[in-house]
N, C-alpha and C. Protein backbone atom coordinates (compact mmCIF):
# COMPACT_ATOMS: atom_id res chain seq x y z
N UNK A 1 4.69 18.82 7.09
CA UNK A 1 5.74 17.89 7.36
C UNK A 1 6.44 17.56 6.05
N UNK A 2 7.74 17.56 6.06
CA UNK A 2 8.52 17.29 4.86
C UNK A 2 8.87 15.81 4.80
N UNK A 3 8.65 15.21 3.66
CA UNK A 3 8.99 13.81 3.47
C UNK A 3 10.50 13.68 3.36
N UNK A 4 11.03 12.69 4.03
CA UNK A 4 12.47 12.48 3.93
C UNK A 4 12.71 11.16 3.22
N UNK A 5 13.67 11.18 2.34
CA UNK A 5 14.00 9.99 1.56
C UNK A 5 14.71 8.98 2.45
N UNK A 6 14.32 7.72 2.32
CA UNK A 6 14.94 6.66 3.11
C UNK A 6 16.23 6.19 2.46
N UNK A 7 17.12 5.71 3.28
CA UNK A 7 18.37 5.14 2.76
C UNK A 7 18.06 3.83 2.05
N UNK A 8 18.77 3.53 0.95
CA UNK A 8 18.53 2.26 0.25
C UNK A 8 18.86 1.08 1.16
N UNK A 9 17.93 0.17 1.28
CA UNK A 9 18.09 -1.01 2.11
C UNK A 9 17.48 -2.18 1.36
N UNK A 10 18.11 -3.32 1.45
CA UNK A 10 17.54 -4.52 0.83
C UNK A 10 16.32 -4.94 1.64
N UNK A 11 15.14 -4.90 1.02
CA UNK A 11 13.92 -5.27 1.71
C UNK A 11 13.11 -6.21 0.83
N UNK A 12 12.23 -6.91 1.46
CA UNK A 12 11.30 -7.75 0.73
C UNK A 12 10.20 -6.83 0.23
N UNK A 13 10.16 -6.57 -1.05
CA UNK A 13 9.25 -5.61 -1.65
C UNK A 13 7.79 -5.90 -1.30
N UNK A 14 7.37 -7.14 -1.47
CA UNK A 14 5.97 -7.49 -1.23
C UNK A 14 5.57 -7.29 0.23
N UNK A 15 6.44 -7.65 1.15
CA UNK A 15 6.13 -7.47 2.57
C UNK A 15 6.11 -5.99 2.94
N UNK A 16 7.02 -5.21 2.38
CA UNK A 16 7.04 -3.78 2.66
C UNK A 16 5.74 -3.14 2.17
N UNK A 17 5.31 -3.53 0.98
CA UNK A 17 4.06 -3.02 0.44
C UNK A 17 2.89 -3.44 1.32
N UNK A 18 2.90 -4.67 1.78
CA UNK A 18 1.84 -5.16 2.66
C UNK A 18 1.74 -4.36 3.94
N UNK A 19 2.89 -4.01 4.50
CA UNK A 19 2.89 -3.18 5.71
C UNK A 19 2.29 -1.81 5.44
N UNK A 20 2.59 -1.25 4.28
CA UNK A 20 2.02 0.06 3.92
C UNK A 20 0.51 -0.03 3.75
N UNK A 21 0.03 -1.08 3.12
CA UNK A 21 -1.41 -1.23 2.95
C UNK A 21 -2.11 -1.38 4.29
N UNK A 22 -1.51 -2.15 5.18
CA UNK A 22 -2.09 -2.31 6.52
C UNK A 22 -2.07 -0.98 7.26
N UNK A 23 -0.99 -0.25 7.11
CA UNK A 23 -0.88 1.06 7.75
C UNK A 23 -1.95 2.01 7.21
N UNK A 24 -2.16 1.96 5.93
CA UNK A 24 -3.18 2.80 5.29
C UNK A 24 -4.56 2.48 5.86
N UNK A 25 -4.89 1.20 5.96
CA UNK A 25 -6.19 0.80 6.53
C UNK A 25 -6.32 1.24 7.98
N UNK A 26 -5.25 1.08 8.74
CA UNK A 26 -5.26 1.44 10.15
C UNK A 26 -5.53 2.95 10.31
N UNK A 27 -4.84 3.75 9.51
CA UNK A 27 -5.03 5.21 9.58
C UNK A 27 -6.47 5.61 9.24
N UNK A 28 -7.06 4.93 8.30
CA UNK A 28 -8.43 5.25 7.87
C UNK A 28 -9.48 4.53 8.71
N UNK A 29 -9.04 3.62 9.57
CA UNK A 29 -9.92 2.85 10.45
C UNK A 29 -10.99 2.10 9.64
N UNK A 30 -10.50 1.36 8.64
CA UNK A 30 -11.39 0.55 7.81
C UNK A 30 -10.87 -0.88 7.81
N UNK A 31 -11.75 -1.82 7.47
CA UNK A 31 -11.35 -3.22 7.42
C UNK A 31 -10.92 -3.59 5.99
N UNK A 32 -10.48 -4.84 5.83
CA UNK A 32 -10.00 -5.30 4.52
C UNK A 32 -11.09 -5.22 3.46
N UNK A 33 -12.29 -5.56 3.85
CA UNK A 33 -13.41 -5.51 2.90
C UNK A 33 -13.62 -4.09 2.39
N UNK A 34 -13.64 -3.13 3.30
CA UNK A 34 -13.85 -1.73 2.90
C UNK A 34 -12.70 -1.23 2.04
N UNK A 35 -11.48 -1.60 2.39
CA UNK A 35 -10.31 -1.18 1.61
C UNK A 35 -10.37 -1.76 0.20
N UNK A 36 -10.67 -3.04 0.10
CA UNK A 36 -10.74 -3.69 -1.20
C UNK A 36 -11.84 -3.07 -2.06
N UNK A 37 -12.98 -2.84 -1.46
CA UNK A 37 -14.10 -2.24 -2.20
C UNK A 37 -13.73 -0.86 -2.71
N UNK A 38 -13.11 -0.07 -1.84
CA UNK A 38 -12.71 1.29 -2.21
C UNK A 38 -11.70 1.28 -3.36
N UNK A 39 -10.79 0.29 -3.34
CA UNK A 39 -9.76 0.19 -4.38
C UNK A 39 -10.26 -0.51 -5.64
N UNK A 40 -11.46 -1.11 -5.57
CA UNK A 40 -12.01 -1.78 -6.73
C UNK A 40 -11.38 -3.13 -7.01
N UNK A 41 -10.96 -3.82 -5.95
CA UNK A 41 -10.35 -5.15 -6.10
C UNK A 41 -11.07 -6.13 -5.18
N UNK A 42 -10.79 -7.41 -5.34
CA UNK A 42 -11.41 -8.41 -4.48
C UNK A 42 -10.76 -8.39 -3.09
N UNK A 43 -11.50 -8.86 -2.11
CA UNK A 43 -10.97 -8.95 -0.75
C UNK A 43 -9.79 -9.94 -0.73
N UNK A 44 -9.92 -11.01 -1.50
CA UNK A 44 -8.83 -12.00 -1.56
C UNK A 44 -7.54 -11.36 -2.07
N UNK A 45 -7.64 -10.54 -3.10
CA UNK A 45 -6.45 -9.87 -3.64
C UNK A 45 -5.86 -8.94 -2.59
N UNK A 46 -6.72 -8.16 -1.93
CA UNK A 46 -6.23 -7.23 -0.90
C UNK A 46 -5.49 -7.99 0.21
N UNK A 47 -6.08 -9.08 0.66
CA UNK A 47 -5.46 -9.88 1.73
C UNK A 47 -4.10 -10.43 1.32
N UNK A 48 -4.00 -10.89 0.08
CA UNK A 48 -2.72 -11.42 -0.41
C UNK A 48 -1.67 -10.32 -0.49
N UNK A 49 -2.07 -9.14 -0.93
CA UNK A 49 -1.13 -8.01 -0.98
C UNK A 49 -0.66 -7.65 0.41
N UNK A 50 -1.61 -7.56 1.34
CA UNK A 50 -1.26 -7.18 2.70
C UNK A 50 -0.36 -8.23 3.35
N UNK A 51 -0.57 -9.48 3.04
CA UNK A 51 0.26 -10.56 3.59
C UNK A 51 1.63 -10.62 2.91
N UNK A 52 1.75 -9.97 1.77
CA UNK A 52 3.02 -9.97 1.03
C UNK A 52 3.28 -11.26 0.30
N UNK A 53 2.21 -11.99 -0.03
CA UNK A 53 2.39 -13.29 -0.69
C UNK A 53 2.34 -13.23 -2.21
N UNK A 54 1.90 -12.12 -2.76
CA UNK A 54 1.85 -11.96 -4.22
C UNK A 54 2.37 -10.58 -4.61
N UNK A 55 2.79 -10.47 -5.84
CA UNK A 55 3.26 -9.19 -6.36
C UNK A 55 2.10 -8.46 -7.02
N UNK A 56 1.96 -7.22 -6.68
CA UNK A 56 0.87 -6.40 -7.20
C UNK A 56 1.16 -5.98 -8.64
N UNK A 57 0.13 -6.00 -9.48
CA UNK A 57 0.25 -5.55 -10.86
C UNK A 57 0.27 -4.02 -10.91
N UNK A 58 0.87 -3.46 -11.94
CA UNK A 58 1.01 -2.01 -12.07
C UNK A 58 -0.32 -1.29 -11.99
N UNK A 59 -1.34 -1.79 -12.65
CA UNK A 59 -2.62 -1.10 -12.64
C UNK A 59 -3.23 -1.07 -11.24
N UNK A 60 -2.88 -2.02 -10.40
CA UNK A 60 -3.39 -2.04 -9.04
C UNK A 60 -2.78 -0.91 -8.20
N UNK A 61 -1.52 -0.58 -8.47
CA UNK A 61 -0.90 0.57 -7.80
C UNK A 61 -1.67 1.84 -8.13
N UNK A 62 -2.06 1.96 -9.39
CA UNK A 62 -2.81 3.14 -9.81
C UNK A 62 -4.16 3.20 -9.12
N UNK A 63 -4.85 2.06 -9.02
CA UNK A 63 -6.15 2.01 -8.35
C UNK A 63 -6.03 2.45 -6.89
N UNK A 64 -5.03 1.91 -6.22
CA UNK A 64 -4.85 2.23 -4.80
C UNK A 64 -4.45 3.70 -4.62
N UNK A 65 -3.55 4.15 -5.46
CA UNK A 65 -3.13 5.56 -5.39
C UNK A 65 -4.30 6.51 -5.55
N UNK A 66 -5.16 6.23 -6.50
CA UNK A 66 -6.33 7.08 -6.74
C UNK A 66 -7.37 6.94 -5.63
N UNK A 67 -7.62 5.72 -5.21
CA UNK A 67 -8.66 5.47 -4.20
C UNK A 67 -8.29 6.05 -2.83
N UNK A 68 -6.99 6.03 -2.50
CA UNK A 68 -6.57 6.45 -1.18
C UNK A 68 -5.70 7.70 -1.18
N UNK A 69 -5.55 8.31 -2.34
CA UNK A 69 -4.78 9.55 -2.47
C UNK A 69 -3.38 9.40 -1.88
N UNK A 70 -2.67 8.36 -2.35
CA UNK A 70 -1.30 8.16 -1.89
C UNK A 70 -0.40 7.91 -3.09
N UNK A 71 0.87 8.20 -2.93
CA UNK A 71 1.80 8.09 -4.04
C UNK A 71 2.42 6.70 -4.13
N UNK A 72 2.90 6.38 -5.29
CA UNK A 72 3.63 5.12 -5.52
C UNK A 72 4.86 5.09 -4.62
N UNK A 73 5.57 6.20 -4.53
CA UNK A 73 6.78 6.26 -3.70
C UNK A 73 6.50 5.89 -2.25
N UNK A 74 5.38 6.38 -1.72
CA UNK A 74 5.04 6.05 -0.34
C UNK A 74 4.65 4.57 -0.24
N UNK A 75 3.86 4.09 -1.17
CA UNK A 75 3.41 2.70 -1.13
C UNK A 75 4.58 1.72 -1.12
N UNK A 76 5.61 2.00 -1.89
CA UNK A 76 6.72 1.05 -1.98
C UNK A 76 7.82 1.33 -0.95
N UNK A 77 7.58 2.32 -0.09
CA UNK A 77 8.51 2.55 1.02
C UNK A 77 9.66 3.49 0.74
N UNK A 78 9.58 4.28 -0.32
CA UNK A 78 10.66 5.22 -0.60
C UNK A 78 10.61 6.45 0.31
N UNK A 79 9.43 6.74 0.84
CA UNK A 79 9.28 7.87 1.76
C UNK A 79 8.53 7.42 3.00
N UNK A 80 8.88 8.01 4.14
CA UNK A 80 8.23 7.66 5.40
C UNK A 80 6.87 8.32 5.56
N UNK A 81 6.73 9.52 5.06
CA UNK A 81 5.52 10.30 5.27
C UNK A 81 4.63 10.20 4.05
N UNK A 82 3.36 9.90 4.31
CA UNK A 82 2.39 9.82 3.20
C UNK A 82 2.08 11.21 2.70
N UNK A 83 2.13 11.38 1.39
CA UNK A 83 1.85 12.70 0.81
C UNK A 83 0.37 12.93 0.65
């Protein structure tokens, strides 16, 4: 499947990221605790990211990308299809 670039749209960055994290968990059929543990972060941090209430630090993007084999572009909503 070829990833298609999305049209630029004004979005709430934190909420968009939260939706991607929830989608990632749903696809893997894991809970917040398992996702946080796999990413090497606290459950509280994971929940805040998923809720879109805080901005994720750059190093956290790297942790999630490595732990779940997903790209930064997909996490922030630049592409619809996870690579």
